[in-house]
Amino acid sequence: MSLLYFSHRSKNMESTKVKDDKKPEPGDLIEIFRGTYQHWAIYVGDGFVIHLAPPSEHAQAGAYSMMSVLDEKATVKKEQLCKVVGNDEYRINNLLDKEYEPRPIHAILRDAYGLLGRELPYSVFTWNCEHFVTELRYGKAQSRQVQQAVVIGGAAVAGLGIIAAVAAFAFFGSKNKEKQKR
C-alpha cells in the first residue's frame, strides 16, 4: 500500500496532513508523527479524539514534547483531531487488528468517555499514550514504539559490547605479541 499525503477536512476539522485517504471511524487508532516519536489518540467521531496527554504533549511542542519522559502524570483529554495534530502528519493505524479482535465500538467509546478528565499515572516505558489507546481498542495495553526502542537499544548495547571486545582483544593481543618478541 502506498501512502499518499493530502489535506483532509471534515465539518469540525481544519486542514491537516493525512498519510492515507481513509477517513477515521469511531474506535480507530490515530498515529501522529512528532518527528522522533509518535503520539497516539483514539478517534471518537465528529472530528474529535480522546488521548492521554502529559503536560508537555501538544502540537508544535517540538523538542519540548520529548520532556514527556520526565512526566509521571497525564490527563485524558477530548480535543479536535486537527488541534492535536497541528502541523504534523497522522494516519489511521489499527496496528494490532491482525493479532487481536477489536472490542465493540460502544465499549471503546464508553470507556474512553468514562476516563475523560482523569489524571492517570504516566510512564513513557510502561504506560504511555499508545498503551492507553491499545488498551481501549483491544483490551491489551501495548506500545510498539517502546518494544522497538528496547530492541534498538539492546542492539546498540550489543554492538558497543562487540566493539569494546574487539578493541580489548586488539589492545591486549598486541601487548602479548610484544612480550613474545622479547
N, C-alpha and C. Protein backbone atom coordinates (compact mmCIF):
# COMPACT_ATOMS: atom_id res chain seq x y z
N MET A 1 0.85 -1.18 0.00
CA MET A 1 0.00 0.00 0.00
C MET A 1 0.89 1.24 0.00
N SER A 2 0.72 2.09 -0.96
CA SER A 2 1.50 3.32 -0.97
C SER A 2 0.77 4.37 -0.13
N LEU A 3 1.54 5.18 0.53
CA LEU A 3 0.96 6.22 1.38
C LEU A 3 0.93 7.52 0.61
N LEU A 4 -0.21 8.15 0.56
CA LEU A 4 -0.38 9.43 -0.12
C LEU A 4 -0.55 10.52 0.92
N TYR A 5 -0.02 11.69 0.64
CA TYR A 5 -0.19 12.82 1.53
C TYR A 5 -1.20 13.77 0.91
N PHE A 6 -2.18 14.19 1.68
CA PHE A 6 -3.13 15.18 1.19
C PHE A 6 -3.76 15.88 2.37
N SER A 7 -4.48 16.93 2.10
CA SER A 7 -5.17 17.64 3.17
C SER A 7 -6.55 17.05 3.35
N HIS A 8 -6.98 16.92 4.59
CA HIS A 8 -8.25 16.31 4.92
C HIS A 8 -9.10 17.32 5.67
N ARG A 9 -10.36 17.41 5.31
CA ARG A 9 -11.28 18.31 6.01
C ARG A 9 -12.56 17.55 6.35
N SER A 10 -13.08 17.83 7.51
CA SER A 10 -14.44 17.40 7.84
C SER A 10 -15.12 18.60 8.48
N LYS A 11 -16.36 18.45 8.88
CA LYS A 11 -17.10 19.63 9.34
C LYS A 11 -16.48 20.30 10.56
N ASN A 12 -15.75 19.55 11.39
CA ASN A 12 -15.14 20.14 12.58
C ASN A 12 -13.63 20.21 12.49
N MET A 13 -13.06 19.96 11.31
CA MET A 13 -11.62 19.89 11.22
C MET A 13 -11.09 20.91 10.22
N GLU A 14 -10.00 21.55 10.61
CA GLU A 14 -9.27 22.37 9.66
C GLU A 14 -8.44 21.41 8.83
N SER A 15 -7.71 21.93 7.87
CA SER A 15 -6.87 21.09 7.02
C SER A 15 -5.73 20.50 7.85
N THR A 16 -5.53 19.18 7.75
CA THR A 16 -4.42 18.50 8.41
C THR A 16 -3.81 17.53 7.41
N LYS A 17 -2.57 17.15 7.65
CA LYS A 17 -1.87 16.24 6.75
C LYS A 17 -2.16 14.80 7.14
N VAL A 18 -2.67 14.04 6.18
CA VAL A 18 -3.04 12.65 6.41
C VAL A 18 -2.16 11.79 5.52
N LYS A 19 -1.72 10.64 6.02
CA LYS A 19 -0.84 9.77 5.26
C LYS A 19 -1.59 8.78 4.37
N ASP A 20 -2.88 8.70 4.43
CA ASP A 20 -3.64 7.87 3.51
C ASP A 20 -5.00 8.51 3.29
N ASP A 21 -5.79 7.93 2.42
CA ASP A 21 -7.03 8.60 2.06
C ASP A 21 -8.25 8.09 2.82
N LYS A 22 -8.05 7.25 3.83
CA LYS A 22 -9.18 6.78 4.63
C LYS A 22 -9.62 7.84 5.62
N LYS A 23 -10.92 7.90 5.86
CA LYS A 23 -11.44 8.79 6.90
C LYS A 23 -11.57 7.98 8.18
N PRO A 24 -11.19 8.57 9.31
CA PRO A 24 -11.29 7.81 10.56
C PRO A 24 -12.73 7.52 10.93
N GLU A 25 -12.90 6.36 11.53
CA GLU A 25 -14.19 5.93 12.07
C GLU A 25 -14.05 5.84 13.59
N PRO A 26 -15.15 6.01 14.32
CA PRO A 26 -15.06 5.87 15.78
C PRO A 26 -14.38 4.55 16.18
N GLY A 27 -13.45 4.65 17.10
CA GLY A 27 -12.70 3.49 17.57
C GLY A 27 -11.37 3.30 16.88
N ASP A 28 -11.12 4.04 15.78
CA ASP A 28 -9.83 3.93 15.08
C ASP A 28 -8.72 4.55 15.91
N LEU A 29 -7.54 3.92 15.81
CA LEU A 29 -6.35 4.49 16.44
C LEU A 29 -5.71 5.48 15.48
N ILE A 30 -5.33 6.62 16.00
CA ILE A 30 -4.71 7.68 15.21
C ILE A 30 -3.25 7.81 15.66
N GLU A 31 -2.34 7.63 14.72
CA GLU A 31 -0.91 7.76 14.96
C GLU A 31 -0.47 9.13 14.43
N ILE A 32 0.10 9.95 15.29
CA ILE A 32 0.52 11.31 14.94
C ILE A 32 2.04 11.35 14.98
N PHE A 33 2.63 11.75 13.88
CA PHE A 33 4.08 11.74 13.75
C PHE A 33 4.68 13.04 14.27
N ARG A 34 5.42 12.94 15.37
CA ARG A 34 6.00 14.11 16.03
C ARG A 34 7.51 14.22 15.78
N GLY A 35 7.99 13.59 14.75
CA GLY A 35 9.43 13.66 14.46
C GLY A 35 10.13 12.43 15.00
N THR A 36 10.62 12.51 16.24
CA THR A 36 11.36 11.38 16.80
C THR A 36 10.48 10.35 17.49
N TYR A 37 9.21 10.61 17.61
CA TYR A 37 8.29 9.67 18.25
C TYR A 37 6.89 9.89 17.68
N GLN A 38 5.97 9.01 18.05
CA GLN A 38 4.57 9.14 17.63
C GLN A 38 3.69 9.33 18.86
N HIS A 39 2.72 10.23 18.71
CA HIS A 39 1.69 10.40 19.73
C HIS A 39 0.47 9.64 19.22
N TRP A 40 -0.32 9.07 20.12
CA TRP A 40 -1.47 8.24 19.75
C TRP A 40 -2.74 8.77 20.38
N ALA A 41 -3.83 8.63 19.64
CA ALA A 41 -5.15 9.04 20.11
C ALA A 41 -6.17 8.05 19.56
N ILE A 42 -7.38 8.08 20.09
CA ILE A 42 -8.45 7.23 19.57
C ILE A 42 -9.55 8.15 19.03
N TYR A 43 -9.98 7.87 17.82
CA TYR A 43 -10.99 8.71 17.17
C TYR A 43 -12.36 8.38 17.77
N VAL A 44 -13.10 9.44 18.14
CA VAL A 44 -14.42 9.22 18.75
C VAL A 44 -15.55 9.79 17.92
N GLY A 45 -15.24 10.36 16.75
CA GLY A 45 -16.28 10.86 15.85
C GLY A 45 -16.34 12.37 15.79
N ASP A 46 -16.97 12.88 14.74
CA ASP A 46 -17.19 14.32 14.52
C ASP A 46 -15.91 15.15 14.60
N GLY A 47 -14.77 14.56 14.19
CA GLY A 47 -13.51 15.30 14.18
C GLY A 47 -12.79 15.34 15.51
N PHE A 48 -13.21 14.55 16.48
CA PHE A 48 -12.61 14.58 17.82
C PHE A 48 -11.89 13.28 18.14
N VAL A 49 -10.86 13.40 18.98
CA VAL A 49 -10.13 12.25 19.52
C VAL A 49 -10.07 12.37 21.03
N ILE A 50 -9.84 11.24 21.65
CA ILE A 50 -9.52 11.20 23.08
C ILE A 50 -8.12 10.64 23.18
N HIS A 51 -7.30 11.28 24.01
CA HIS A 51 -5.91 10.85 24.13
C HIS A 51 -5.39 11.10 25.53
N LEU A 52 -4.33 10.40 25.86
CA LEU A 52 -3.64 10.56 27.14
C LEU A 52 -2.48 11.52 26.90
N ALA A 53 -2.54 12.68 27.53
CA ALA A 53 -1.58 13.73 27.23
C ALA A 53 -0.85 14.18 28.48
N PRO A 54 0.48 13.91 28.54
CA PRO A 54 1.26 14.50 29.62
C PRO A 54 1.34 16.01 29.40
N PRO A 55 1.69 16.78 30.41
CA PRO A 55 1.70 18.24 30.27
C PRO A 55 2.53 18.76 29.09
N SER A 56 3.59 18.07 28.73
CA SER A 56 4.47 18.55 27.66
C SER A 56 4.00 18.14 26.27
N GLU A 57 2.92 17.37 26.16
CA GLU A 57 2.45 16.87 24.86
C GLU A 57 1.42 17.80 24.24
N HIS A 58 1.82 18.44 23.16
CA HIS A 58 0.88 19.22 22.37
C HIS A 58 1.51 19.51 21.02
N ALA A 59 0.67 19.81 20.04
CA ALA A 59 1.17 20.11 18.70
C ALA A 59 2.12 21.30 18.77
N GLN A 60 3.11 21.29 17.95
CA GLN A 60 4.14 22.32 17.86
C GLN A 60 5.02 22.42 19.12
N ALA A 61 5.00 21.40 19.95
CA ALA A 61 5.85 21.44 21.14
C ALA A 61 7.31 21.20 20.78
N GLY A 62 7.54 20.59 19.63
CA GLY A 62 8.91 20.34 19.18
C GLY A 62 9.68 19.51 20.18
N ALA A 63 10.92 19.88 20.44
CA ALA A 63 11.78 19.13 21.35
C ALA A 63 11.20 19.09 22.76
N TYR A 64 10.39 20.08 23.11
CA TYR A 64 9.79 20.12 24.45
C TYR A 64 8.94 18.88 24.70
N SER A 65 8.31 18.34 23.67
CA SER A 65 7.49 17.14 23.84
C SER A 65 8.32 15.96 24.32
N MET A 66 9.59 15.95 23.99
CA MET A 66 10.46 14.87 24.45
C MET A 66 10.59 14.88 25.97
N MET A 67 10.22 15.98 26.59
CA MET A 67 10.27 16.07 28.05
C MET A 67 9.24 15.17 28.71
N SER A 68 8.33 14.58 27.90
CA SER A 68 7.32 13.69 28.48
C SER A 68 7.97 12.49 29.16
N VAL A 69 9.23 12.18 28.85
CA VAL A 69 9.90 11.08 29.53
C VAL A 69 10.03 11.36 31.02
N LEU A 70 9.95 12.63 31.41
CA LEU A 70 10.05 13.00 32.81
C LEU A 70 8.71 13.09 33.52
N ASP A 71 7.62 13.10 32.74
CA ASP A 71 6.29 13.25 33.33
C ASP A 71 5.85 11.95 34.01
N GLU A 72 5.18 12.09 35.15
CA GLU A 72 4.66 10.93 35.87
C GLU A 72 3.15 10.89 35.87
N LYS A 73 2.51 11.95 35.38
CA LYS A 73 1.05 12.03 35.30
C LYS A 73 0.66 12.56 33.93
N ALA A 74 -0.51 12.14 33.48
CA ALA A 74 -1.04 12.64 32.21
C ALA A 74 -2.56 12.73 32.36
N THR A 75 -3.17 13.56 31.54
CA THR A 75 -4.61 13.78 31.61
C THR A 75 -5.28 13.22 30.36
N VAL A 76 -6.44 12.60 30.55
CA VAL A 76 -7.24 12.10 29.43
C VAL A 76 -8.05 13.28 28.90
N LYS A 77 -7.84 13.61 27.63
CA LYS A 77 -8.47 14.78 27.03
C LYS A 77 -9.25 14.41 25.78
N LYS A 78 -10.30 15.18 25.52
CA LYS A 78 -11.03 15.11 24.26
C LYS A 78 -10.77 16.43 23.54
N GLU A 79 -10.20 16.33 22.34
CA GLU A 79 -9.86 17.52 21.58
C GLU A 79 -10.11 17.26 20.10
N GLN A 80 -10.20 18.34 19.34
CA GLN A 80 -10.33 18.18 17.90
C GLN A 80 -9.06 17.55 17.35
N LEU A 81 -9.24 16.61 16.44
CA LEU A 81 -8.10 15.94 15.83
C LEU A 81 -7.13 16.97 15.23
N CYS A 82 -7.67 17.96 14.54
CA CYS A 82 -6.80 18.96 13.89
C CYS A 82 -5.97 19.72 14.91
N LYS A 83 -6.49 19.94 16.11
CA LYS A 83 -5.74 20.66 17.15
C LYS A 83 -4.62 19.79 17.71
N VAL A 84 -4.91 18.50 17.88
CA VAL A 84 -3.91 17.58 18.41
C VAL A 84 -2.80 17.36 17.38
N VAL A 85 -3.18 17.25 16.12
CA VAL A 85 -2.21 17.01 15.05
C VAL A 85 -1.38 18.25 14.76
N GLY A 86 -2.01 19.42 14.75
CA GLY A 86 -1.29 20.65 14.42
C GLY A 86 -0.72 20.57 13.01
N ASN A 87 0.56 20.88 12.85
CA ASN A 87 1.21 20.82 11.55
C ASN A 87 1.85 19.47 11.26
N ASP A 88 1.69 18.53 12.15
CA ASP A 88 2.28 17.20 11.96
C ASP A 88 1.41 16.38 11.01
N GLU A 89 1.85 15.18 10.71
CA GLU A 89 1.10 14.26 9.87
C GLU A 89 0.51 13.18 10.76
N TYR A 90 -0.58 12.58 10.30
CA TYR A 90 -1.16 11.47 11.04
C TYR A 90 -1.70 10.44 10.07
N ARG A 91 -1.98 9.27 10.62
CA ARG A 91 -2.64 8.22 9.85
C ARG A 91 -3.47 7.36 10.79
N ILE A 92 -4.45 6.70 10.21
CA ILE A 92 -5.20 5.69 10.94
C ILE A 92 -4.28 4.48 11.01
N ASN A 93 -4.09 3.94 12.21
CA ASN A 93 -3.19 2.79 12.34
C ASN A 93 -3.73 1.85 13.41
N ASN A 94 -4.63 0.98 13.00
CA ASN A 94 -5.17 -0.04 13.90
C ASN A 94 -4.19 -1.22 13.89
N LEU A 95 -3.02 -0.97 14.44
CA LEU A 95 -1.85 -1.80 14.30
C LEU A 95 -1.98 -3.23 14.80
N LEU A 96 -2.88 -3.49 15.71
CA LEU A 96 -2.98 -4.84 16.28
C LEU A 96 -4.22 -5.60 15.81
N ASP A 97 -4.91 -5.10 14.80
CA ASP A 97 -6.14 -5.76 14.33
C ASP A 97 -5.91 -7.19 13.87
N LYS A 98 -4.72 -7.50 13.36
CA LYS A 98 -4.42 -8.86 12.90
C LYS A 98 -4.12 -9.80 14.06
N GLU A 99 -3.73 -9.23 15.20
CA GLU A 99 -3.40 -10.05 16.37
C GLU A 99 -4.57 -10.20 17.35
N TYR A 100 -5.37 -9.15 17.48
CA TYR A 100 -6.45 -9.14 18.47
C TYR A 100 -7.74 -8.67 17.83
N GLU A 101 -8.83 -9.19 18.32
CA GLU A 101 -10.15 -8.73 17.90
C GLU A 101 -10.43 -7.39 18.58
N PRO A 102 -10.71 -6.34 17.81
CA PRO A 102 -11.06 -5.07 18.46
C PRO A 102 -12.32 -5.22 19.32
N ARG A 103 -12.34 -4.52 20.41
CA ARG A 103 -13.52 -4.53 21.27
C ARG A 103 -14.68 -3.85 20.53
N PRO A 104 -15.91 -4.11 20.95
CA PRO A 104 -17.06 -3.43 20.32
C PRO A 104 -16.91 -1.90 20.45
N ILE A 105 -17.28 -1.19 19.39
CA ILE A 105 -17.10 0.26 19.36
C ILE A 105 -17.81 0.94 20.53
N HIS A 106 -19.02 0.47 20.88
CA HIS A 106 -19.72 1.11 22.01
C HIS A 106 -18.93 0.96 23.31
N ALA A 107 -18.22 -0.16 23.48
CA ALA A 107 -17.41 -0.37 24.69
C ALA A 107 -16.17 0.52 24.67
N ILE A 108 -15.55 0.64 23.49
CA ILE A 108 -14.37 1.51 23.36
C ILE A 108 -14.75 2.95 23.72
N LEU A 109 -15.84 3.44 23.11
CA LEU A 109 -16.26 4.82 23.34
C LEU A 109 -16.72 5.04 24.77
N ARG A 110 -17.47 4.09 25.33
CA ARG A 110 -17.93 4.20 26.72
C ARG A 110 -16.74 4.34 27.67
N ASP A 111 -15.73 3.47 27.48
CA ASP A 111 -14.57 3.50 28.37
C ASP A 111 -13.73 4.76 28.16
N ALA A 112 -13.58 5.18 26.90
CA ALA A 112 -12.80 6.39 26.61
C ALA A 112 -13.47 7.60 27.26
N TYR A 113 -14.79 7.74 27.05
CA TYR A 113 -15.50 8.87 27.64
C TYR A 113 -15.52 8.78 29.17
N GLY A 114 -15.53 7.58 29.71
CA GLY A 114 -15.53 7.38 31.15
C GLY A 114 -14.23 7.84 31.81
N LEU A 115 -13.17 7.92 31.03
CA LEU A 115 -11.87 8.34 31.56
C LEU A 115 -11.59 9.83 31.35
N LEU A 116 -12.45 10.51 30.61
CA LEU A 116 -12.23 11.93 30.30
C LEU A 116 -11.99 12.75 31.56
N GLY A 117 -10.97 13.58 31.48
CA GLY A 117 -10.66 14.49 32.58
C GLY A 117 -9.86 13.87 33.71
N ARG A 118 -9.70 12.57 33.67
CA ARG A 118 -8.95 11.91 34.75
C ARG A 118 -7.46 12.09 34.57
N GLU A 119 -6.77 12.26 35.68
CA GLU A 119 -5.32 12.28 35.68
C GLU A 119 -4.86 10.86 36.00
N LEU A 120 -4.04 10.30 35.13
CA LEU A 120 -3.58 8.92 35.28
C LEU A 120 -2.06 8.89 35.43
N PRO A 121 -1.56 7.82 36.05
CA PRO A 121 -0.10 7.66 36.08
C PRO A 121 0.41 7.58 34.64
N TYR A 122 1.63 8.05 34.41
CA TYR A 122 2.20 8.06 33.07
C TYR A 122 3.66 7.65 33.15
N SER A 123 4.06 6.79 32.23
CA SER A 123 5.45 6.41 32.08
C SER A 123 5.69 6.16 30.60
N VAL A 124 6.68 6.80 30.05
CA VAL A 124 6.95 6.64 28.63
C VAL A 124 7.23 5.17 28.30
N PHE A 125 7.70 4.38 29.27
CA PHE A 125 8.04 2.98 29.01
C PHE A 125 6.94 1.99 29.36
N THR A 126 6.14 2.27 30.39
CA THR A 126 5.17 1.26 30.83
C THR A 126 3.71 1.67 30.69
N TRP A 127 3.42 2.95 30.58
CA TRP A 127 2.03 3.39 30.39
C TRP A 127 2.03 4.76 29.72
N ASN A 128 2.06 4.75 28.38
CA ASN A 128 2.07 5.99 27.61
C ASN A 128 0.81 6.08 26.76
N CYS A 129 0.74 7.04 25.87
CA CYS A 129 -0.46 7.26 25.05
C CYS A 129 -0.78 6.07 24.15
N GLU A 130 0.24 5.35 23.69
CA GLU A 130 0.00 4.17 22.85
C GLU A 130 -0.57 3.02 23.69
N HIS A 131 -0.04 2.81 24.89
CA HIS A 131 -0.61 1.82 25.80
C HIS A 131 -2.10 2.14 26.05
N PHE A 132 -2.37 3.42 26.27
CA PHE A 132 -3.73 3.88 26.58
C PHE A 132 -4.71 3.51 25.46
N VAL A 133 -4.36 3.85 24.20
CA VAL A 133 -5.31 3.60 23.11
C VAL A 133 -5.42 2.13 22.75
N THR A 134 -4.32 1.37 22.87
CA THR A 134 -4.41 -0.06 22.56
C THR A 134 -5.22 -0.79 23.64
N GLU A 135 -5.13 -0.32 24.87
CA GLU A 135 -5.98 -0.88 25.94
C GLU A 135 -7.45 -0.63 25.63
N LEU A 136 -7.77 0.57 25.17
CA LEU A 136 -9.16 0.89 24.83
C LEU A 136 -9.66 0.04 23.66
N ARG A 137 -8.88 -0.06 22.60
CA ARG A 137 -9.35 -0.74 21.38
C ARG A 137 -9.33 -2.26 21.52
N TYR A 138 -8.27 -2.80 22.14
CA TYR A 138 -8.09 -4.26 22.15
C TYR A 138 -8.22 -4.91 23.53
N GLY A 139 -8.22 -4.08 24.58
CA GLY A 139 -8.18 -4.64 25.93
C GLY A 139 -6.79 -5.12 26.29
N LYS A 140 -5.79 -4.72 25.50
CA LYS A 140 -4.39 -5.10 25.71
C LYS A 140 -3.54 -3.85 25.59
N ALA A 141 -2.87 -3.49 26.67
CA ALA A 141 -2.02 -2.30 26.65
C ALA A 141 -0.66 -2.67 26.07
N GLN A 142 -0.36 -2.14 24.89
CA GLN A 142 0.92 -2.40 24.24
C GLN A 142 1.44 -1.13 23.61
N SER A 143 2.77 -1.05 23.51
CA SER A 143 3.41 0.06 22.82
C SER A 143 4.50 -0.49 21.93
N ARG A 144 4.24 -0.49 20.63
CA ARG A 144 5.24 -0.96 19.67
C ARG A 144 6.44 -0.03 19.66
N GLN A 145 6.21 1.26 19.92
CA GLN A 145 7.33 2.21 19.98
C GLN A 145 8.32 1.79 21.06
N VAL A 146 7.80 1.43 22.23
CA VAL A 146 8.67 1.04 23.33
C VAL A 146 9.35 -0.28 22.99
N GLN A 147 8.62 -1.23 22.43
CA GLN A 147 9.21 -2.52 22.05
C GLN A 147 10.34 -2.31 21.05
N GLN A 148 10.13 -1.45 20.05
CA GLN A 148 11.17 -1.18 19.06
C GLN A 148 12.36 -0.48 19.69
N ALA A 149 12.10 0.45 20.59
CA ALA A 149 13.19 1.16 21.25
C ALA A 149 14.04 0.19 22.08
N VAL A 150 13.40 -0.77 22.73
CA VAL A 150 14.13 -1.76 23.52
C VAL A 150 14.99 -2.61 22.61
N VAL A 151 14.45 -3.05 21.46
CA VAL A 151 15.21 -3.86 20.52
C VAL A 151 16.40 -3.06 19.97
N ILE A 152 16.13 -1.82 19.56
CA ILE A 152 17.20 -0.98 19.01
C ILE A 152 18.24 -0.69 20.08
N GLY A 153 17.76 -0.37 21.29
CA GLY A 153 18.69 -0.10 22.39
C GLY A 153 19.52 -1.32 22.73
N GLY A 154 18.89 -2.49 22.74
CA GLY A 154 19.62 -3.74 23.01
C GLY A 154 20.65 -4.01 21.94
N ALA A 155 20.29 -3.77 20.68
CA ALA A 155 21.23 -3.97 19.58
C ALA A 155 22.40 -3.00 19.70
N ALA A 156 22.10 -1.75 20.09
CA ALA A 156 23.17 -0.76 20.25
C ALA A 156 24.12 -1.17 21.37
N VAL A 157 23.57 -1.64 22.48
CA VAL A 157 24.40 -2.08 23.60
C VAL A 157 25.24 -3.28 23.18
N ALA A 158 24.61 -4.22 22.47
CA ALA A 158 25.36 -5.39 22.00
C ALA A 158 26.46 -4.96 21.04
N GLY A 159 26.14 -4.02 20.15
CA GLY A 159 27.14 -3.52 19.21
C GLY A 159 28.30 -2.86 19.93
N LEU A 160 28.00 -2.07 20.94
CA LEU A 160 29.07 -1.43 21.72
C LEU A 160 29.90 -2.48 22.45
N GLY A 161 29.24 -3.53 22.93
CA GLY A 161 29.96 -4.62 23.60
C GLY A 161 30.92 -5.32 22.65
N ILE A 162 30.49 -5.55 21.43
CA ILE A 162 31.35 -6.20 20.43
C ILE A 162 32.53 -5.29 20.10
N ILE A 163 32.26 -4.02 19.92
CA ILE A 163 33.33 -3.06 19.62
C ILE A 163 34.34 -3.03 20.77
N ALA A 164 33.84 -3.01 22.01
CA ALA A 164 34.72 -3.00 23.17
C ALA A 164 35.56 -4.28 23.23
N ALA A 165 34.93 -5.42 22.93
CA ALA A 165 35.65 -6.69 22.96
C ALA A 165 36.73 -6.74 21.88
N VAL A 166 36.40 -6.27 20.69
CA VAL A 166 37.39 -6.24 19.60
C VAL A 166 38.54 -5.30 19.95
N ALA A 167 38.20 -4.12 20.49
CA ALA A 167 39.23 -3.17 20.89
C ALA A 167 40.12 -3.75 21.98
N ALA A 168 39.50 -4.41 22.96
CA ALA A 168 40.28 -5.01 24.04
C ALA A 168 41.17 -6.12 23.50
N PHE A 169 40.63 -6.94 22.61
CA PHE A 169 41.42 -8.02 22.02
C PHE A 169 42.60 -7.44 21.23
N ALA A 170 42.33 -6.41 20.45
CA ALA A 170 43.38 -5.78 19.65
C ALA A 170 44.46 -5.18 20.57
N PHE A 171 44.04 -4.52 21.63
CA PHE A 171 44.99 -3.89 22.55
C PHE A 171 45.81 -4.93 23.29
N PHE A 172 45.12 -5.87 23.93
CA PHE A 172 45.83 -6.87 24.73
C PHE A 172 46.54 -7.88 23.85
N GLY A 173 45.99 -8.15 22.68
CA GLY A 173 46.66 -9.05 21.75
C GLY A 173 47.98 -8.47 21.30
N SER A 174 48.02 -7.17 21.05
CA SER A 174 49.28 -6.53 20.62
C SER A 174 50.28 -6.51 21.78
N LYS A 175 49.81 -6.39 23.01
CA LYS A 175 50.70 -6.42 24.18
C LYS A 175 51.34 -7.81 24.31
N ASN A 176 50.52 -8.88 24.09
CA ASN A 176 51.05 -10.24 24.18
C ASN A 176 52.07 -10.49 23.09
N LYS A 177 51.85 -9.97 21.88
CA LYS A 177 52.79 -10.14 20.79
C LYS A 177 54.11 -9.45 21.11
N GLU A 178 54.05 -8.28 21.74
CA GLU A 178 55.26 -7.55 22.12
C GLU A 178 56.06 -8.36 23.15
N LYS A 179 55.36 -8.99 24.12
CA LYS A 179 56.02 -9.79 25.14
C LYS A 179 56.70 -11.00 24.50
N GLN A 180 56.03 -11.62 23.51
CA GLN A 180 56.57 -12.80 22.85
C GLN A 180 57.83 -12.45 22.05
N LYS A 181 57.91 -11.25 21.52
CA LYS A 181 59.06 -10.83 20.73
C LYS A 181 60.29 -10.63 21.61
N ARG A 182 60.13 -10.33 22.86
CA ARG A 182 61.25 -10.04 23.76
C ARG A 182 61.94 -11.26 24.16
